[in-house]
Amino acid sequence: MTTTIGTDFDAATTDAVAAAVAALAGRRIALLTGAGVSTDSGIPDYRGNGAPRRTPMTVEQFLTNEAARRRYWVGSHLGWRAFAAAEPNAGHRAIADLEAAGVATGVVTQNVDGLHVRAGSRRVVELHGTMRRVFCTHCGQVFDRRDLAARVEADNPWILIPENVPLGPDGDVLPESTDGFRIPDCSVCGGMLKPDVVFFGEFIPAGKFREAEQLVHTSEGLVIAGSSLVVNSGIRLLERARRRKLPVVIVNRGMTRADARATVKIDAGTSEVLSALASALPPSA
């Protein structure tokens, strides 16, 4: 059977998408997504072409250096409102559609933006956590980020929220000054608050990675979208699929660490390709 790909792809991309459809048709697939899936929502990639140069804060800096922690909270607050206002794009919606059609078993994401959940995906494994929550490192109390933002502004009434800020992939910006900023603390015990995200230098919780492994284990194919696969967790999940001889489709602009290991590599935008896959793959019976 010939698959018609109804898009404006060039010939090479059209052939690659058709090959991906042929490899995945009739299979239940898992998806692994990285920052490239959210670029069409206005959230920049870490490593793609044109990505901003940045030096991410490590977990050790955050936990041990009050000045670094103050800088983090000012920058994070300045960027959070614009970050939180980002809307799911066609790629997020296509993944939710694949799940609703019974084609996708769920999505494992390296992103902390919550856009898969907002797009309607029901089974989402957030490997690196989420910016939606903050927790106390002392007593474990969890807070909604929206409530914390209101507290930050009440405690720091001088702080300005620019309408257009240079966002980082984690919703952070580089503030001009942190002088006088009051760092938020736990309203229950006064302990240190930390966003519910995996910082650089921090390990993914073992239970969370097992959940991701289980999703791949119960699937019959793997689509990796918008990730350069520099982070080892992505490579580990890809290898889980390859050991079971499952088809692996990689969708990413530019090279990834595992192009040679893919059944099909599609060098194109994730929104367009995921939408094409959602339209072409038959629903699960």
C-alpha atoms as a PDB file:
ATOM      1  CA  MET A   1       0.000   0.000   0.000  1.00  0.00           C
ATOM      2  CA  THR A   2       1.292   3.473  -0.869  1.00  0.00           C
ATOM      3  CA  THR A   3       1.131   6.090   1.881  1.00  0.00           C
ATOM      4  CA  THR A   4       0.279   9.626   0.818  1.00  0.00           C
ATOM      5  CA  ILE A   5       1.893  12.294   2.969  1.00  0.00           C
ATOM      6  CA  GLY A   6      -0.241  15.417   2.541  1.00  0.00           C
ATOM      7  CA  THR A   7       2.261  18.095   3.526  1.00  0.00           C
ATOM      8  CA  ASP A   8       4.628  20.590   1.953  1.00  0.00           C
ATOM      9  CA  PHE A   9       7.734  18.532   2.769  1.00  0.00           C
ATOM     10  CA  ASP A  10      10.572  18.318   0.296  1.00  0.00           C
ATOM     11  CA  ALA A  11      11.065  15.003  -1.505  1.00  0.00           C
ATOM     12  CA  ALA A  12      13.633  13.614   0.934  1.00  0.00           C
ATOM     13  CA  THR A  13      11.511  14.428   3.991  1.00  0.00           C
ATOM     14  CA  THR A  14       8.380  13.055   2.326  1.00  0.00           C
ATOM     15  CA  ASP A  15      10.188   9.773   1.677  1.00  0.00           C
ATOM     16  CA  ALA A  16      11.496   9.664   5.258  1.00  0.00           C
ATOM     17  CA  VAL A  17       8.031  10.286   6.743  1.00  0.00           C
ATOM     18  CA  ALA A  18       6.560   7.576   4.493  1.00  0.00           C
ATOM     19  CA  ALA A  19       9.280   5.171   5.675  1.00  0.00           C
ATOM     20  CA  ALA A  20       8.472   6.036   9.293  1.00  0.00           C
ATOM     21  CA  VAL A  21       4.780   5.377   8.712  1.00  0.00           C
ATOM     22  CA  ALA A  22       5.597   2.022   7.117  1.00  0.00           C
ATOM     23  CA  ALA A  23       7.820   1.087  10.088  1.00  0.00           C
ATOM     24  CA  LEU A  24       5.275   2.120  12.724  1.00  0.00           C
ATOM     25  CA  ALA A  25       1.893   1.257  11.172  1.00  0.00           C
ATOM     26  CA  GLY A  26      -0.122  -1.190  13.243  1.00  0.00           C
ATOM     27  CA  ARG A  27       2.149  -0.784  16.263  1.00  0.00           C
ATOM     28  CA  ARG A  28       1.588   0.816  19.647  1.00  0.00           C
ATOM     29  CA  ILE A  29       4.313   3.410  20.057  1.00  0.00           C
ATOM     30  CA  ALA A  30       5.949   5.349  22.877  1.00  0.00           C
ATOM     31  CA  LEU A  31       7.249   8.870  22.358  1.00  0.00           C
ATOM     32  CA  LEU A  32      10.281  10.567  23.862  1.00  0.00           C
ATOM     33  CA  THR A  33      10.394  14.345  23.475  1.00  0.00           C
ATOM     34  CA  GLY A  34      13.015  17.005  24.069  1.00  0.00           C
ATOM     35  CA  ALA A  35      13.234  20.783  23.916  1.00  0.00           C
ATOM     36  CA  GLY A  36      12.847  20.861  20.131  1.00  0.00           C
ATOM     37  CA  VAL A  37       9.174  19.929  20.478  1.00  0.00           C
ATOM     38  CA  SER A  38       8.487  23.186  22.345  1.00  0.00           C
ATOM     39  CA  THR A  39      10.380  25.646  20.130  1.00  0.00           C
ATOM     40  CA  ASP A  40       7.222  26.335  18.096  1.00  0.00           C
ATOM     41  CA  SER A  41       5.603  27.425  21.377  1.00  0.00           C
ATOM     42  CA  GLY A  42       8.263  30.112  21.810  1.00  0.00           C
ATOM     43  CA  ILE A  43      10.496  28.212  24.244  1.00  0.00           C
ATOM     44  CA  PRO A  44      14.043  28.004  22.859  1.00  0.00           C
ATOM     45  CA  ASP A  45      16.116  24.856  22.577  1.00  0.00           C
ATOM     46  CA  TYR A  46      19.276  24.297  24.623  1.00  0.00           C
ATOM     47  CA  ARG A  47      21.459  23.031  21.810  1.00  0.00           C
ATOM     48  CA  GLY A  48      19.814  23.636  18.431  1.00  0.00           C
ATOM     49  CA  ASN A  49      20.903  26.179  15.877  1.00  0.00           C
ATOM     50  CA  GLY A  50      20.453  29.657  17.308  1.00  0.00           C
ATOM     51  CA  ALA A  51      20.074  28.418  20.880  1.00  0.00           C
ATOM     52  CA  PRO A  52      21.097  31.059  23.429  1.00  0.00           C
ATOM     53  CA  ARG A  53      24.453  30.640  25.134  1.00  0.00           C
ATOM     54  CA  ARG A  54      23.853  29.865  28.780  1.00  0.00           C
ATOM     55  CA  THR A  55      25.535  28.445  31.867  1.00  0.00           C
ATOM     56  CA  PRO A  56      22.881  26.458  33.725  1.00  0.00           C
ATOM     57  CA  MET A  57      22.928  26.535  37.506  1.00  0.00           C
ATOM     58  CA  THR A  58      23.973  23.290  39.143  1.00  0.00           C
ATOM     59  CA  VAL A  59      22.102  21.729  42.028  1.00  0.00           C
ATOM     60  CA  GLU A  60      25.166  22.248  44.269  1.00  0.00           C
ATOM     61  CA  GLN A  61      25.189  25.987  43.525  1.00  0.00           C
ATOM     62  CA  PHE A  62      21.473  26.262  44.238  1.00  0.00           C
ATOM     63  CA  LEU A  63      21.619  24.382  47.536  1.00  0.00           C
ATOM     64  CA  THR A  64      24.819  25.850  48.962  1.00  0.00           C
ATOM     65  CA  ASN A  65      25.146  29.400  47.644  1.00  0.00           C
ATOM     66  CA  GLU A  66      22.585  31.967  48.791  1.00  0.00           C
ATOM     67  CA  ALA A  67      23.672  34.536  46.200  1.00  0.00           C
ATOM     68  CA  ALA A  68      23.277  31.957  43.431  1.00  0.00           C
ATOM     69  CA  ARG A  69      19.892  30.948  44.827  1.00  0.00           C
ATOM     70  CA  ARG A  70      18.772  34.590  44.899  1.00  0.00           C
ATOM     71  CA  ARG A  71      19.895  35.032  41.293  1.00  0.00           C
ATOM     72  CA  TYR A  72      17.985  31.897  40.318  1.00  0.00           C
ATOM     73  CA  TRP A  73      14.723  32.993  41.924  1.00  0.00           C
ATOM     74  CA  VAL A  74      14.822  36.503  40.446  1.00  0.00           C
ATOM     75  CA  GLY A  75      15.580  35.191  36.963  1.00  0.00           C
ATOM     76  CA  SER A  76      13.138  32.322  37.243  1.00  0.00           C
ATOM     77  CA  HIS A  77      10.350  34.627  38.378  1.00  0.00           C
ATOM     78  CA  LEU A  78      10.997  37.142  35.606  1.00  0.00           C
ATOM     79  CA  GLY A  79      10.837  34.386  33.014  1.00  0.00           C
ATOM     80  CA  TRP A  80       8.139  32.226  34.554  1.00  0.00           C
ATOM     81  CA  ARG A  81       5.095  34.252  33.543  1.00  0.00           C
ATOM     82  CA  ALA A  82       6.044  34.331  29.876  1.00  0.00           C
ATOM     83  CA  PHE A  83       7.125  30.682  30.116  1.00  0.00           C
ATOM     84  CA  ALA A  84       3.815  29.705  31.730  1.00  0.00           C
ATOM     85  CA  ALA A  85       1.846  31.606  29.082  1.00  0.00           C
ATOM     86  CA  ALA A  86       3.316  29.485  26.258  1.00  0.00           C
ATOM     87  CA  GLU A  87       0.649  27.433  24.484  1.00  0.00           C
ATOM     88  CA  PRO A  88       0.872  23.830  23.196  1.00  0.00           C
ATOM     89  CA  ASN A  89       1.734  23.683  19.510  1.00  0.00           C
ATOM     90  CA  ALA A  90       0.722  21.331  16.709  1.00  0.00           C
ATOM     91  CA  GLY A  91       3.360  18.799  17.746  1.00  0.00           C
ATOM     92  CA  HIS A  92       2.028  18.544  21.315  1.00  0.00           C
ATOM     93  CA  ARG A  93      -1.519  18.219  19.980  1.00  0.00           C
ATOM     94  CA  ALA A  94      -0.484  15.538  17.469  1.00  0.00           C
ATOM     95  CA  ILE A  95       0.993  13.437  20.288  1.00  0.00           C
ATOM     96  CA  ALA A  96      -2.212  13.803  22.301  1.00  0.00           C
ATOM     97  CA  ASP A  97      -4.182  12.771  19.197  1.00  0.00           C
ATOM     98  CA  LEU A  98      -1.999   9.684  18.748  1.00  0.00           C
ATOM     99  CA  GLU A  99      -2.716   8.681  22.342  1.00  0.00           C
ATOM    100  CA  ALA A 100      -6.454   9.327  21.948  1.00  0.00           C
ATOM    101  CA  ALA A 101      -6.458   7.138  18.814  1.00  0.00           C
ATOM    102  CA  GLY A 102      -4.832   4.292  20.719  1.00  0.00           C
ATOM    103  CA  VAL A 103      -1.643   4.519  18.670  1.00  0.00           C
ATOM    104  CA  ALA A 104       0.562   6.007  21.402  1.00  0.00           C
ATOM    105  CA  THR A 105       0.975   4.413  24.819  1.00  0.00           C
ATOM    106  CA  GLY A 106       2.146   7.733  26.249  1.00  0.00           C
ATOM    107  CA  VAL A 107       4.973  10.239  26.172  1.00  0.00           C
ATOM    108  CA  VAL A 108       8.225  10.518  28.103  1.00  0.00           C
ATOM    109  CA  THR A 109       9.455  14.106  28.064  1.00  0.00           C
ATOM    110  CA  GLN A 110      12.716  15.779  29.030  1.00  0.00           C
ATOM    111  CA  ASN A 111      10.865  19.120  29.108  1.00  0.00           C
ATOM    112  CA  VAL A 112       9.639  20.875  32.257  1.00  0.00           C
ATOM    113  CA  ASP A 113       7.092  23.149  30.537  1.00  0.00           C
ATOM    114  CA  GLY A 114       3.965  21.026  31.119  1.00  0.00           C
ATOM    115  CA  LEU A 115       2.775  21.544  27.530  1.00  0.00           C
ATOM    116  CA  HIS A 116       2.066  17.857  26.898  1.00  0.00           C
ATOM    117  CA  VAL A 117      -0.347  17.822  29.826  1.00  0.00           C
ATOM    118  CA  ARG A 118      -2.016  21.023  28.636  1.00  0.00           C
ATOM    119  CA  ALA A 119      -2.325  19.591  25.120  1.00  0.00           C
ATOM    120  CA  GLY A 120      -4.394  16.702  26.469  1.00  0.00           C
ATOM    121  CA  SER A 121      -1.881  13.864  26.775  1.00  0.00           C
ATOM    122  CA  ARG A 122      -2.972  11.596  29.614  1.00  0.00           C
ATOM    123  CA  ARG A 123       0.105   9.449  30.262  1.00  0.00           C
ATOM    124  CA  VAL A 124       3.058  11.815  30.580  1.00  0.00           C
ATOM    125  CA  VAL A 125       6.315  10.865  32.288  1.00  0.00           C
ATOM    126  CA  GLU A 126       8.142  14.119  33.102  1.00  0.00           C
ATOM    127  CA  LEU A 127      11.716  12.830  33.438  1.00  0.00           C
ATOM    128  CA  HIS A 128      13.172  16.169  34.537  1.00  0.00           C
ATOM    129  CA  GLY A 129      10.214  17.303  36.628  1.00  0.00           C
ATOM    130  CA  THR A 130       7.937  20.275  36.099  1.00  0.00           C
ATOM    131  CA  MET A 131       8.016  24.023  36.647  1.00  0.00           C
ATOM    132  CA  ARG A 132       4.388  23.831  37.824  1.00  0.00           C
ATOM    133  CA  ARG A 133       5.424  22.842  41.346  1.00  0.00           C
ATOM    134  CA  VAL A 134       7.843  23.928  44.059  1.00  0.00           C
ATOM    135  CA  PHE A 135       8.647  21.899  47.174  1.00  0.00           C
ATOM    136  CA  CYS A 136      10.333  22.409  50.519  1.00  0.00           C
ATOM    137  CA  THR A 137      13.647  20.578  50.835  1.00  0.00           C
ATOM    138  CA  HIS A 138      13.116  20.325  54.612  1.00  0.00           C
ATOM    139  CA  CYS A 139       9.501  19.250  55.212  1.00  0.00           C
ATOM    140  CA  GLY A 140       8.466  18.198  51.695  1.00  0.00           C
ATOM    141  CA  GLN A 141       5.459  20.538  51.437  1.00  0.00           C
ATOM    142  CA  VAL A 142       4.497  21.109  47.781  1.00  0.00           C
ATOM    143  CA  PHE A 143       3.335  24.484  46.422  1.00  0.00           C
ATOM    144  CA  ASP A 144       1.721  25.500  43.140  1.00  0.00           C
ATOM    145  CA  ARG A 145       4.070  27.786  41.208  1.00  0.00           C
ATOM    146  CA  ARG A 146       1.240  30.267  40.599  1.00  0.00           C
ATOM    147  CA  ASP A 147       0.734  30.693  44.350  1.00  0.00           C
ATOM    148  CA  LEU A 148       4.455  31.110  44.887  1.00  0.00           C
ATOM    149  CA  ALA A 149       4.612  33.776  42.151  1.00  0.00           C
ATOM    150  CA  ALA A 150       1.967  35.774  43.991  1.00  0.00           C
ATOM    151  CA  ARG A 151       4.030  35.515  47.202  1.00  0.00           C
ATOM    152  CA  VAL A 152       7.219  36.604  45.422  1.00  0.00           C
ATOM    153  CA  GLU A 153       5.484  39.719  44.100  1.00  0.00           C
ATOM    154  CA  ALA A 154       3.936  40.495  47.494  1.00  0.00           C
ATOM    155  CA  ASP A 155       7.343  40.211  49.179  1.00  0.00           C
ATOM    156  CA  ASN A 156       9.113  42.115  46.389  1.00  0.00           C
ATOM    157  CA  PRO A 157       6.626  44.731  45.150  1.00  0.00           C
ATOM    158  CA  TRP A 158       9.361  46.479  43.137  1.00  0.00           C
ATOM    159  CA  ILE A 159       9.916  43.540  40.851  1.00  0.00           C
ATOM    160  CA  LEU A 160       8.956  44.127  37.233  1.00  0.00           C
ATOM    161  CA  ILE A 161       7.505  41.513  34.909  1.00  0.00           C
ATOM    162  CA  PRO A 162       8.478  42.508  31.337  1.00  0.00           C
ATOM    163  CA  GLU A 163       6.038  41.468  28.622  1.00  0.00           C
ATOM    164  CA  ASN A 164       8.860  40.187  26.428  1.00  0.00           C
ATOM    165  CA  VAL A 165      11.810  38.545  28.132  1.00  0.00           C
ATOM    166  CA  PRO A 166      14.644  36.441  26.666  1.00  0.00           C
ATOM    167  CA  LEU A 167      13.455  33.034  27.831  1.00  0.00           C
ATOM    168  CA  GLY A 168      15.631  30.037  28.472  1.00  0.00           C
ATOM    169  CA  PRO A 169      14.335  26.467  27.999  1.00  0.00           C
ATOM    170  CA  ASP A 170      13.587  26.243  31.741  1.00  0.00           C
ATOM    171  CA  GLY A 171      11.747  29.575  31.897  1.00  0.00           C
ATOM    172  CA  ASP A 172      14.751  31.417  33.313  1.00  0.00           C
ATOM    173  CA  VAL A 173      16.194  34.781  32.275  1.00  0.00           C
ATOM    174  CA  LEU A 174      19.314  36.638  33.335  1.00  0.00           C
ATOM    175  CA  PRO A 175      18.228  39.435  35.676  1.00  0.00           C
ATOM    176  CA  GLU A 176      19.971  42.787  35.616  1.00  0.00           C
ATOM    177  CA  SER A 177      20.133  42.901  39.413  1.00  0.00           C
ATOM    178  CA  THR A 178      19.164  40.795  42.424  1.00  0.00           C
ATOM    179  CA  ASP A 179      19.789  43.482  45.031  1.00  0.00           C
ATOM    180  CA  GLY A 180      17.137  43.547  47.735  1.00  0.00           C
ATOM    181  CA  PHE A 181      15.283  40.464  46.509  1.00  0.00           C
ATOM    182  CA  ARG A 182      13.662  38.423  49.292  1.00  0.00           C
ATOM    183  CA  ILE A 183      14.095  34.711  48.566  1.00  0.00           C
ATOM    184  CA  PRO A 184      10.835  32.774  49.065  1.00  0.00           C
ATOM    185  CA  ASP A 185      10.855  30.164  51.805  1.00  0.00           C
ATOM    186  CA  CYS A 186       8.460  27.482  52.979  1.00  0.00           C
ATOM    187  CA  SER A 187       5.351  28.981  54.560  1.00  0.00           C
ATOM    188  CA  VAL A 188       4.963  25.842  56.697  1.00  0.00           C
ATOM    189  CA  CYS A 189       8.423  25.403  58.238  1.00  0.00           C
ATOM    190  CA  GLY A 190      10.590  28.216  56.844  1.00  0.00           C
ATOM    191  CA  GLY A 191      12.771  25.733  54.958  1.00  0.00           C
ATOM    192  CA  MET A 192      14.445  26.105  51.571  1.00  0.00           C
ATOM    193  CA  LEU A 193      12.208  25.921  48.503  1.00  0.00           C
ATOM    194  CA  LYS A 194      13.304  24.229  45.281  1.00  0.00           C
ATOM    195  CA  PRO A 195      11.495  23.953  41.944  1.00  0.00           C
ATOM    196  CA  ASP A 196      10.351  20.392  41.256  1.00  0.00           C
ATOM    197  CA  VAL A 197      12.866  20.017  38.426  1.00  0.00           C
ATOM    198  CA  VAL A 198      16.085  18.082  37.965  1.00  0.00           C
ATOM    199  CA  PHE A 199      18.948  20.574  38.037  1.00  0.00           C
ATOM    200  CA  PHE A 200      22.220  20.035  36.210  1.00  0.00           C
ATOM    201  CA  GLY A 201      24.338  17.685  38.314  1.00  0.00           C
ATOM    202  CA  GLU A 202      21.240  16.048  39.812  1.00  0.00           C
ATOM    203  CA  PHE A 203      20.049  12.505  39.096  1.00  0.00           C
ATOM    204  CA  ILE A 204      16.651  11.639  37.644  1.00  0.00           C
ATOM    205  CA  PRO A 205      14.649   9.917  40.418  1.00  0.00           C
ATOM    206  CA  ALA A 206      14.950   6.140  39.999  1.00  0.00           C
ATOM    207  CA  GLY A 207      11.201   5.622  40.209  1.00  0.00           C
ATOM    208  CA  LYS A 208      10.592   8.164  37.466  1.00  0.00           C
ATOM    209  CA  PHE A 209      13.058   6.467  35.135  1.00  0.00           C
ATOM    210  CA  ARG A 210      11.493   3.061  35.835  1.00  0.00           C
ATOM    211  CA  GLU A 211       8.141   4.546  34.824  1.00  0.00           C
ATOM    212  CA  ALA A 212       9.681   5.707  31.544  1.00  0.00           C
ATOM    213  CA  GLU A 213      11.249   2.284  30.979  1.00  0.00           C
ATOM    214  CA  GLN A 214       7.900   0.602  31.593  1.00  0.00           C
ATOM    215  CA  LEU A 215       6.202   2.803  29.014  1.00  0.00           C
ATOM    216  CA  VAL A 216       8.809   1.838  26.412  1.00  0.00           C
ATOM    217  CA  HIS A 217       8.651  -1.814  27.485  1.00  0.00           C
ATOM    218  CA  THR A 218       4.900  -2.003  26.853  1.00  0.00           C
ATOM    219  CA  SER A 219       5.227  -0.419  23.403  1.00  0.00           C
ATOM    220  CA  GLU A 220       6.061  -1.805  19.967  1.00  0.00           C
ATOM    221  CA  GLY A 221       7.920   1.191  18.580  1.00  0.00           C
ATOM    222  CA  LEU A 222       9.632   4.391  19.726  1.00  0.00           C
ATOM    223  CA  VAL A 223       9.486   7.899  18.261  1.00  0.00           C
ATOM    224  CA  ILE A 224      12.084  10.363  19.544  1.00  0.00           C
ATOM    225  CA  ALA A 225      11.196  13.978  18.721  1.00  0.00           C
ATOM    226  CA  GLY A 226      13.101  17.197  19.306  1.00  0.00           C
ATOM    227  CA  SER A 227      15.988  15.729  21.282  1.00  0.00           C
ATOM    228  CA  SER A 228      19.665  15.713  20.353  1.00  0.00           C
ATOM    229  CA  LEU A 229      20.004  12.757  22.771  1.00  0.00           C
ATOM    230  CA  VAL A 230      22.950  14.333  24.570  1.00  0.00           C
ATOM    231  CA  VAL A 231      21.334  13.432  27.903  1.00  0.00           C
ATOM    232  CA  ASN A 232      22.093   9.806  28.753  1.00  0.00           C
ATOM    233  CA  SER A 233      18.556   8.997  29.884  1.00  0.00           C
ATOM    234  CA  GLY A 234      17.347   9.354  26.298  1.00  0.00           C
ATOM    235  CA  ILE A 235      20.061   7.046  24.981  1.00  0.00           C
ATOM    236  CA  ARG A 236      19.213   4.464  27.645  1.00  0.00           C
ATOM    237  CA  LEU A 237      15.556   4.427  26.587  1.00  0.00           C
ATOM    238  CA  LEU A 238      16.534   4.164  22.922  1.00  0.00           C
ATOM    239  CA  GLU A 239      18.746   1.164  23.748  1.00  0.00           C
ATOM    240  CA  ARG A 240      15.873  -0.482  25.615  1.00  0.00           C
ATOM    241  CA  ALA A 241      13.858  -0.303  22.394  1.00  0.00           C
ATOM    242  CA  ARG A 242      16.718  -1.498  20.190  1.00  0.00           C
ATOM    243  CA  ARG A 243      17.379  -4.545  22.374  1.00  0.00           C
ATOM    244  CA  ARG A 244      13.821  -5.627  21.677  1.00  0.00           C
ATOM    245  CA  LYS A 245      14.386  -4.925  17.959  1.00  0.00           C
ATOM    246  CA  LEU A 246      11.658  -2.265  17.915  1.00  0.00           C
ATOM    247  CA  PRO A 247      11.571   0.341  15.129  1.00  0.00           C
ATOM    248  CA  VAL A 248      13.017   3.662  16.298  1.00  0.00           C
ATOM    249  CA  VAL A 249      12.137   6.891  14.474  1.00  0.00           C
ATOM    250  CA  ILE A 250      14.096  10.055  15.286  1.00  0.00           C
ATOM    251  CA  VAL A 251      12.637  13.445  14.319  1.00  0.00           C
ATOM    252  CA  ASN A 252      15.014  16.356  14.857  1.00  0.00           C
ATOM    253  CA  ARG A 253      16.451  19.302  13.007  1.00  0.00           C
ATOM    254  CA  GLY A 254      20.168  18.553  12.738  1.00  0.00           C
ATOM    255  CA  MET A 255      22.205  15.624  13.952  1.00  0.00           C
ATOM    256  CA  THR A 256      21.587  13.654  17.130  1.00  0.00           C
ATOM    257  CA  ARG A 257      23.833  11.337  19.074  1.00  0.00           C
ATOM    258  CA  ALA A 258      21.978   8.289  17.766  1.00  0.00           C
ATOM    259  CA  ASP A 259      21.189   8.953  14.109  1.00  0.00           C
ATOM    260  CA  ALA A 260      23.080   5.812  13.068  1.00  0.00           C
ATOM    261  CA  ARG A 261      20.969   3.702  15.432  1.00  0.00           C
ATOM    262  CA  ALA A 262      17.584   4.861  14.118  1.00  0.00           C
ATOM    263  CA  THR A 263      15.380   2.826  11.825  1.00  0.00           C
ATOM    264  CA  VAL A 264      14.387   6.143  10.224  1.00  0.00           C
ATOM    265  CA  LYS A 265      15.852   9.608  10.841  1.00  0.00           C
ATOM    266  CA  ILE A 266      13.738  12.596   9.754  1.00  0.00           C
ATOM    267  CA  ASP A 267      15.608  15.903   9.621  1.00  0.00           C
ATOM    268  CA  ALA A 268      12.663  18.299   9.831  1.00  0.00           C
ATOM    269  CA  GLY A 269      10.463  20.249  12.230  1.00  0.00           C
ATOM    270  CA  THR A 270       8.717  18.230  14.915  1.00  0.00           C
ATOM    271  CA  SER A 271       5.348  20.002  14.654  1.00  0.00           C
ATOM    272  CA  GLU A 272       4.996  19.223  10.956  1.00  0.00           C
ATOM    273  CA  VAL A 273       6.293  15.657  11.140  1.00  0.00           C
ATOM    274  CA  LEU A 274       4.324  14.648  14.233  1.00  0.00           C
ATOM    275  CA  SER A 275       1.164  16.081  12.656  1.00  0.00           C
ATOM    276  CA  ALA A 276       1.855  14.043   9.512  1.00  0.00           C
ATOM    277  CA  LEU A 277       2.376  10.878  11.556  1.00  0.00           C
ATOM    278  CA  ALA A 278      -0.840  11.464  13.501  1.00  0.00           C
ATOM    279  CA  SER A 279      -2.748  11.826  10.228  1.00  0.00           C
ATOM    280  CA  ALA A 280      -1.141   8.833   8.486  1.00  0.00           C
ATOM    281  CA  LEU A 281      -0.909   6.188  11.212  1.00  0.00           C
ATOM    282  CA  PRO A 282      -4.108   4.104  11.449  1.00  0.00           C
ATOM    283  CA  PRO A 283      -5.994   4.159  14.756  1.00  0.00           C
ATOM    284  CA  SER A 284      -5.641   1.131  17.006  1.00  0.00           C
ATOM    285  CA  ALA A 285      -8.430  -1.401  16.536  1.00  0.00           C
END
